[in-house]
Every structure is written in C-alpha cells, then in structure tokens.
C-alpha atoms as a PDB file:
ATOM      1  CA  MET A   1     -15.686  11.899   8.127  1.00  0.00           C
ATOM      2  CA  THR A   2     -18.654  11.607   7.597  1.00  0.00           C
ATOM      3  CA  LEU A   3     -20.965   8.514   6.932  1.00  0.00           C
ATOM      4  CA  LYS A   4     -19.922   7.111   3.446  1.00  0.00           C
ATOM      5  CA  GLU A   5     -16.623   8.088   3.701  1.00  0.00           C
ATOM      6  CA  CYS A   6     -16.760   5.225   6.123  1.00  0.00           C
ATOM      7  CA  LYS A   7     -18.452   2.973   4.666  1.00  0.00           C
ATOM      8  CA  LYS A   8     -16.239   3.949   1.256  1.00  0.00           C
ATOM      9  CA  GLU A   9     -12.823   2.686   3.639  1.00  0.00           C
ATOM     10  CA  GLU A  10     -14.305  -0.325   4.620  1.00  0.00           C
ATOM     11  CA  LYS A  11     -16.013  -1.422   1.023  1.00  0.00           C
ATOM     12  CA  ALA A  12     -12.057  -1.454   0.011  1.00  0.00           C
ATOM     13  CA  ASP A  13     -10.714  -3.468   3.059  1.00  0.00           C
ATOM     14  CA  ARG A  14     -13.098  -5.337   2.323  1.00  0.00           C
ATOM     15  CA  GLU A  15     -12.016  -5.742  -1.255  1.00  0.00           C
ATOM     16  CA  PHE A  16      -8.407  -5.512  -0.158  1.00  0.00           C
ATOM     17  CA  GLN A  17      -8.464  -8.817   2.324  1.00  0.00           C
ATOM     18  CA  LYS A  18     -10.822 -10.448  -0.665  1.00  0.00           C
ATOM     19  CA  LYS A  19      -7.946 -10.187  -3.652  1.00  0.00           C
ATOM     20  CA  PHE A  20      -4.865 -10.527  -1.179  1.00  0.00           C
ATOM     21  CA  LYS A  21      -6.543 -14.013   0.690  1.00  0.00           C
ATOM     22  CA  PHE A  22      -5.663 -10.652   3.910  1.00  0.00           C
ATOM     23  CA  GLU A  23      -7.124 -12.634   6.897  1.00  0.00           C
ATOM     24  CA  GLY A  24      -7.591 -10.210   9.836  1.00  0.00           C
ATOM     25  CA  SER A  25      -7.666  -6.511  11.078  1.00  0.00           C
ATOM     26  CA  ILE A  26      -5.741  -5.135   8.259  1.00  0.00           C
ATOM     27  CA  ASN A  27      -3.145  -3.225  10.724  1.00  0.00           C
ATOM     28  CA  VAL A  28      -0.203  -1.164   9.076  1.00  0.00           C
ATOM     29  CA  LEU A  29       3.334  -2.492  10.973  1.00  0.00           C
ATOM     30  CA  THR A  30       5.218   1.250  10.159  1.00  0.00           C
ATOM     31  CA  GLN A  31       4.961   3.391   7.359  1.00  0.00           C
ATOM     32  CA  MET A  32       8.002   4.254   4.260  1.00  0.00           C
ATOM     33  CA  MET A  33       8.861   6.269   2.073  1.00  0.00           C
ATOM     34  CA  VAL A  34       9.794   6.296  -1.499  1.00  0.00           C
ATOM     35  CA  ASP A  35      13.266   7.201  -2.399  1.00  0.00           C
ATOM     36  CA  PRO A  36      12.945  10.496  -3.916  1.00  0.00           C
ATOM     37  CA  ALA A  37      15.577   9.361  -6.658  1.00  0.00           C
ATOM     38  CA  ALA A  38      13.434   6.119  -7.492  1.00  0.00           C
ATOM     39  CA  THR A  39      11.383   6.409 -10.861  1.00  0.00           C
ATOM     40  CA  GLU A  40       8.330   7.085 -10.854  1.00  0.00           C
ATOM     41  CA  LYS A  41       6.641   3.519 -11.421  1.00  0.00           C
ATOM     42  CA  ARG A  42       2.914   3.754 -13.439  1.00  0.00           C
ATOM     43  CA  GLY A  43       1.905  -0.174 -11.809  1.00  0.00           C
ATOM     44  CA  GLY A  44      -0.256  -2.019 -12.435  1.00  0.00           C
ATOM     45  CA  GLY A  45      -2.740  -5.685 -11.933  1.00  0.00           C
ATOM     46  CA  LYS A  46      -0.755  -6.055  -8.691  1.00  0.00           C
ATOM     47  CA  ASN A  47       1.693  -3.257  -8.340  1.00  0.00           C
ATOM     48  CA  LEU A  48       1.619  -0.158  -6.868  1.00  0.00           C
ATOM     49  CA  PRO A  49       2.520   3.061  -8.803  1.00  0.00           C
ATOM     50  CA  LEU A  50       5.211   4.830  -7.034  1.00  0.00           C
ATOM     51  CA  ARG A  51       5.513   8.717  -7.222  1.00  0.00           C
ATOM     52  CA  ARG A  52       8.677   9.806  -5.906  1.00  0.00           C
ATOM     53  CA  GLY A  53       8.712  10.944  -2.271  1.00  0.00           C
ATOM     54  CA  GLU A  54       5.736   9.546  -1.185  1.00  0.00           C
ATOM     55  CA  ILE A  55       4.975   7.660   2.965  1.00  0.00           C
ATOM     56  CA  LEU A  56       3.496   4.572   2.114  1.00  0.00           C
ATOM     57  CA  ASP A  57       1.766   2.891   4.832  1.00  0.00           C
ATOM     58  CA  VAL A  58       3.445  -0.975   5.116  1.00  0.00           C
ATOM     59  CA  ILE A  59       0.585  -3.547   6.018  1.00  0.00           C
ATOM     60  CA  GLN A  60       2.578  -7.049   5.631  1.00  0.00           C
ATOM     61  CA  PHE A  61       6.334  -7.944   4.311  1.00  0.00           C
ATOM     62  CA  THR A  62       5.281 -10.392   1.571  1.00  0.00           C
ATOM     63  CA  ASN A  63       9.205 -11.611   0.993  1.00  0.00           C
ATOM     64  CA  GLN A  64      12.399  -9.765   0.474  1.00  0.00           C
ATOM     65  CA  GLU A  65      11.904  -8.382  -3.242  1.00  0.00           C
ATOM     66  CA  GLN A  66       8.079  -7.165  -2.804  1.00  0.00           C
ATOM     67  CA  ILE A  67       6.205  -5.209   0.152  1.00  0.00           C
ATOM     68  CA  LEU A  68       2.496  -5.226   0.938  1.00  0.00           C
ATOM     69  CA  CYS A  69       1.639  -0.833   1.158  1.00  0.00           C
ATOM     70  CA  ARG A  70      -1.242   1.323   0.730  1.00  0.00           C
ATOM     71  CA  ASN A  71      -0.554   5.229  -0.925  1.00  0.00           C
ATOM     72  CA  SER A  72      -2.993   8.088   0.396  1.00  0.00           C
ATOM     73  CA  GLN A  73      -5.496   6.752  -1.855  1.00  0.00           C
ATOM     74  CA  ARG A  74      -6.468   4.031   0.257  1.00  0.00           C
ATOM     75  CA  ARG A  75      -5.119   1.555  -2.707  1.00  0.00           C
ATOM     76  CA  CYS A  76      -3.326  -1.875  -1.417  1.00  0.00           C
ATOM     77  CA  LYS A  77      -1.363  -3.099  -3.934  1.00  0.00           C
ATOM     78  CA  SER A  78       2.300  -5.094  -3.435  1.00  0.00           C
ATOM     79  CA  ALA A  79       4.881  -2.334  -4.166  1.00  0.00           C
ATOM     80  CA  GLY A  80       9.527  -2.899  -4.867  1.00  0.00           C
ATOM     81  CA  ALA A  81      11.284  -3.383  -1.544  1.00  0.00           C
ATOM     82  CA  GLU A  82      14.608  -1.556  -3.629  1.00  0.00           C
ATOM     83  CA  ALA A  83      12.280   1.746  -3.962  1.00  0.00           C
ATOM     84  CA  LEU A  84      11.684   2.377  -0.733  1.00  0.00           C
ATOM     85  CA  SER A  85      13.455   3.690   2.240  1.00  0.00           C
ATOM     86  CA  ALA A  86      11.987   3.286   6.335  1.00  0.00           C
ATOM     87  CA  ALA A  87      10.176   7.401   6.794  1.00  0.00           C
END
C-alpha cells in the first residue's frame, strides 16, 4: 500500500469516528453478505447503499434493526439487519 492510500484510509477512519462518535480503534467483528434475494438500496444519510451479494465488514451491532458496517470502498454507515446474512 502506498503512502497516499494509507493516509486516505486514516482520514476515512477519523471521519467515521467523528460522524458516529466512535471511540477507540475500528475492529472488524465479522463479515456478512447482503442477501442475494434482497432488493438493492441506494442508501443516503447514515444508511449504506446495499448491492446483492456484497460482502460487508461488521464494525458494531448497534441494535436489533441496524448494524454499523463498512463496504469495499471503506464507506462506513448503518445497514439494515434484515438484508444481511452471515458470510
């Protein structure tokens, strides 16, 4: 990984921590896959856009309906728990 990519990741992590008031380091708990039968969602605000079959890194289980996730573009937002299944 180049220095530029490393700095970009660090900046994204800082923005995530500020936006979600997340303290400490970002640790991936598990990975989950978006249900292939689920409808695709655009996202927006604090919701992550979901694509069928996409693998998401789970950062925190916030409540029964929402999970804090990170996608392959390192965007961190909430995702609906009903659309995810264990990978």
